[in-house]
């Protein structure tokens, strides 16, 4: 049995696109990545991201987030 890390982690909303943290969403290692800006609070594999945070995610996951309304319109 393992203990979960209970400390909240969040990305800085003002992070530049070139240093956006990569989310570890389930995807092959050679999948194309996209940088997105979140419109809502989102948890990805136990890590919290605040609205306005820029995150690098696999292209397929970015498409699913756009459809669900989690990506900010720019």
Protein backbone atom coordinates (compact mmCIF):
# COMPACT_ATOMS: atom_id res chain seq x y z
CA UNK A 1 0.00 0.00 0.00
CA UNK A 2 1.38 3.42 -0.88
CA UNK A 3 0.59 6.80 0.63
CA UNK A 4 -0.61 9.55 -1.68
CA UNK A 5 1.04 12.93 -1.70
CA UNK A 6 -1.55 15.23 -0.13
CA UNK A 7 0.25 18.53 -0.77
CA UNK A 8 -1.45 20.57 -3.50
CA UNK A 9 0.65 21.35 -6.54
CA UNK A 10 -0.29 24.00 -9.04
CA UNK A 11 1.26 25.53 -12.12
CA UNK A 12 1.94 29.25 -12.23
CA UNK A 13 -0.68 30.94 -14.44
CA UNK A 14 1.90 33.34 -15.88
CA UNK A 15 4.36 30.67 -17.10
CA UNK A 16 5.65 31.38 -20.63
CA UNK A 17 4.65 28.87 -23.30
CA UNK A 18 8.23 27.69 -23.88
CA UNK A 19 8.63 26.54 -20.25
CA UNK A 20 5.13 25.15 -19.69
CA UNK A 21 5.16 21.97 -17.57
CA UNK A 22 4.33 18.72 -19.34
CA UNK A 23 1.34 16.83 -18.03
CA UNK A 24 1.81 13.10 -17.74
CA UNK A 25 -1.44 12.13 -19.46
CA UNK A 26 -1.42 8.57 -20.78
CA UNK A 27 0.07 8.72 -24.28
CA UNK A 28 2.90 7.10 -26.25
CA UNK A 29 6.29 8.73 -25.73
CA UNK A 30 6.49 9.81 -29.38
CA UNK A 31 3.03 11.47 -29.43
CA UNK A 32 3.01 15.10 -30.65
CA UNK A 33 2.64 17.60 -27.79
CA UNK A 34 0.70 20.89 -27.69
CA UNK A 35 0.79 23.81 -25.27
CA UNK A 36 -2.69 24.80 -24.10
CA UNK A 37 -4.01 27.48 -21.73
CA UNK A 38 -6.62 26.19 -19.30
CA UNK A 39 -9.94 27.98 -18.87
CA UNK A 40 -10.94 25.98 -15.77
CA UNK A 41 -9.28 24.26 -12.82
CA UNK A 42 -8.10 20.78 -13.87
CA UNK A 43 -6.45 17.81 -12.15
CA UNK A 44 -4.25 15.64 -14.37
CA UNK A 45 -2.95 12.47 -12.69
CA UNK A 46 -3.01 14.01 -9.21
CA UNK A 47 -1.54 17.40 -10.09
CA UNK A 48 -3.70 20.55 -9.90
CA UNK A 49 -3.58 23.21 -12.61
CA UNK A 50 -5.26 26.59 -12.07
CA UNK A 51 -7.24 28.52 -14.71
CA UNK A 52 -4.81 30.37 -16.97
CA UNK A 53 -2.04 27.80 -16.53
CA UNK A 54 -0.14 26.80 -19.67
CA UNK A 55 0.40 23.05 -19.89
CA UNK A 56 2.00 20.79 -22.51
CA UNK A 57 -0.20 17.77 -23.20
CA UNK A 58 -0.45 15.17 -25.99
CA UNK A 59 -2.32 16.47 -29.06
CA UNK A 60 -5.16 13.96 -28.67
CA UNK A 61 -5.69 14.93 -25.01
CA UNK A 62 -5.64 18.63 -25.99
CA UNK A 63 -8.38 17.95 -28.55
CA UNK A 64 -10.52 16.22 -25.90
CA UNK A 65 -9.99 19.12 -23.47
CA UNK A 66 -11.07 21.63 -26.17
CA UNK A 67 -14.27 19.69 -26.82
CA UNK A 68 -15.01 19.61 -23.06
CA UNK A 69 -14.45 23.36 -22.67
CA UNK A 70 -11.28 23.25 -20.57
CA UNK A 71 -9.09 25.18 -23.02
CA UNK A 72 -9.25 28.99 -23.01
CA UNK A 73 -10.11 30.74 -26.26
CA UNK A 74 -7.36 33.06 -27.41
